[in-house]
Amino acid sequence: MVLTQGVCLNVRVNDPMNLLPQTVNGPWIPRKLVVGVAYGAGAYQGAWNTSVDSAGRNYQLIIPARQPFTLWLYSTDVALADASGTMVASPAGGAAFQSTAGQNQNFVFTVTGPR
């Protein structure tokens, strides 16, 4: 078995209108936003909602380095835009990226309103 060093995928979702729940996702809390990565021949891995603050929420996932991924966000409740202001496809969209050894992947999105 060969182990490869992973890198951290960090996704910040700014929520200036507080449209998402102000609690970390859990088994009894309805998810208004799902964040994860698609890779390989259709595999998917969800990211953990690690924290929530008054301005938004953070998601995190360890992913293998040197692999192509598609960051995937899904919500039927809120509309999202990426850091450049481009709207995320409705209700699911994201960004393709290649993970690099030793370099964490950081993305920022903003809730722009209800869907």
Protein backbone atom coordinates (compact mmCIF):
# COMPACT_ATOMS: atom_id res chain seq x y z
CA MET A 1 0.00 0.00 0.00
CA VAL A 2 1.32 3.39 -0.97
CA LEU A 3 0.14 6.39 1.02
CA THR A 4 0.23 9.84 -0.48
CA GLN A 5 0.31 13.04 1.48
CA GLY A 6 -2.99 14.85 1.45
CA VAL A 7 -3.76 18.53 1.29
CA CYS A 8 -6.52 20.43 2.97
CA LEU A 9 -9.50 21.71 1.01
CA ASN A 10 -10.88 24.80 2.77
CA VAL A 11 -14.16 26.34 1.65
CA ARG A 12 -15.45 29.55 3.21
CA VAL A 13 -19.08 30.47 2.56
CA ASN A 14 -19.82 34.06 3.52
CA ASP A 15 -23.46 34.55 4.53
CA PRO A 16 -24.04 38.31 4.97
CA MET A 17 -27.86 37.88 5.18
CA ASN A 18 -27.69 34.94 7.63
CA LEU A 19 -29.85 32.74 5.38
CA LEU A 20 -28.07 29.56 6.47
CA PRO A 21 -28.58 28.05 9.95
CA GLN A 22 -26.31 29.53 12.60
CA THR A 23 -25.28 26.05 13.80
CA VAL A 24 -22.81 23.45 12.53
CA ASN A 25 -24.46 20.72 10.43
CA GLY A 26 -25.47 17.67 12.39
CA PRO A 27 -27.70 14.60 12.08
CA TRP A 28 -30.82 16.44 13.30
CA ILE A 29 -30.17 19.77 11.57
CA PRO A 30 -31.51 20.13 8.02
CA ARG A 31 -28.69 20.97 5.62
CA LYS A 32 -29.37 24.06 3.54
CA LEU A 33 -26.01 23.73 1.73
CA VAL A 34 -23.93 20.68 0.80
CA VAL A 35 -20.23 21.08 -0.07
CA GLY A 36 -17.91 18.37 -1.36
CA VAL A 37 -15.74 17.14 -4.21
CA ALA A 38 -16.43 14.90 -7.20
CA TYR A 39 -13.52 12.94 -8.63
CA GLY A 40 -12.50 9.86 -10.58
CA ALA A 41 -15.32 8.04 -12.35
CA GLY A 42 -18.15 9.78 -10.48
CA ALA A 43 -17.09 9.40 -6.85
CA TYR A 44 -18.16 12.06 -4.32
CA GLN A 45 -16.87 12.96 -0.86
CA GLY A 46 -18.63 15.51 1.33
CA ALA A 47 -16.73 18.18 3.23
CA TRP A 48 -17.27 18.68 6.96
CA ASN A 49 -18.96 21.86 8.16
CA THR A 50 -16.27 22.64 10.74
CA SER A 51 -17.45 25.98 12.09
CA VAL A 52 -20.08 28.69 11.89
CA ASP A 53 -19.74 32.35 12.84
CA SER A 54 -21.90 35.43 12.44
CA ALA A 55 -20.46 36.08 8.95
CA GLY A 56 -20.68 32.57 7.46
CA ARG A 57 -19.40 29.03 7.72
CA ASN A 58 -16.33 26.92 6.97
CA TYR A 59 -16.04 23.50 5.35
CA GLN A 60 -12.96 21.32 5.30
CA LEU A 61 -11.83 18.04 3.73
CA ILE A 62 -8.47 16.31 3.35
CA ILE A 63 -7.92 15.29 -0.28
CA PRO A 64 -5.03 13.49 -2.02
CA ALA A 65 -2.43 15.63 -3.75
CA ARG A 66 -1.87 15.62 -7.51
CA GLN A 67 -5.46 14.70 -8.37
CA PRO A 68 -8.13 16.47 -10.45
CA PHE A 69 -11.33 17.36 -8.57
CA THR A 70 -14.52 19.31 -9.04
CA LEU A 71 -15.61 21.33 -6.05
CA TRP A 72 -19.35 20.82 -5.80
CA LEU A 73 -21.89 23.00 -3.96
CA TYR A 74 -25.58 22.16 -3.79
CA SER A 75 -28.47 24.16 -2.35
CA THR A 76 -32.13 24.47 -3.14
CA ASP A 77 -32.43 27.22 -0.50
CA VAL A 78 -29.76 29.83 -1.28
CA ALA A 79 -28.03 31.30 -4.34
CA LEU A 80 -24.22 31.40 -4.33
CA ALA A 81 -21.48 33.32 -6.11
CA ASP A 82 -17.75 32.59 -6.24
CA ALA A 83 -15.00 35.02 -5.19
CA SER A 84 -15.13 36.78 -8.58
CA GLY A 85 -18.90 37.31 -8.31
CA THR A 86 -19.85 34.63 -10.85
CA MET A 87 -23.06 32.87 -9.89
CA VAL A 88 -22.81 29.16 -9.09
CA ALA A 89 -24.99 27.02 -11.36
CA SER A 90 -28.39 26.24 -9.84
CA PRO A 91 -28.91 24.17 -7.74
CA ALA A 92 -25.51 22.46 -8.07
CA GLY A 93 -22.28 23.87 -9.40
CA GLY A 94 -18.67 24.34 -8.56
CA ALA A 95 -15.15 24.67 -9.85
CA ALA A 96 -12.67 22.22 -11.37
CA PHE A 97 -9.20 22.21 -9.83
CA GLN A 98 -6.03 20.12 -9.56
CA SER A 99 -4.67 19.51 -6.06
CA THR A 100 -0.98 20.23 -5.59
CA ALA A 101 1.34 18.57 -3.07
CA GLY A 102 2.10 20.83 -0.12
CA GLN A 103 -0.45 23.46 -1.14
CA ASN A 104 -3.85 23.69 0.53
CA GLN A 105 -6.80 24.51 -1.73
CA ASN A 106 -8.84 27.53 -0.59
CA PHE A 107 -12.14 28.69 -2.05
CA VAL A 108 -14.52 31.47 -1.02
CA PHE A 109 -18.21 31.72 -1.93
CA THR A 110 -20.92 34.15 -0.87
CA VAL A 111 -24.61 33.61 -0.32
CA THR A 112 -26.25 36.22 -2.56
CA GLY A 113 -29.88 35.64 -1.55
CA PRO A 114 -32.62 33.05 -1.31
CA ARG A 115 -33.14 30.73 -4.27
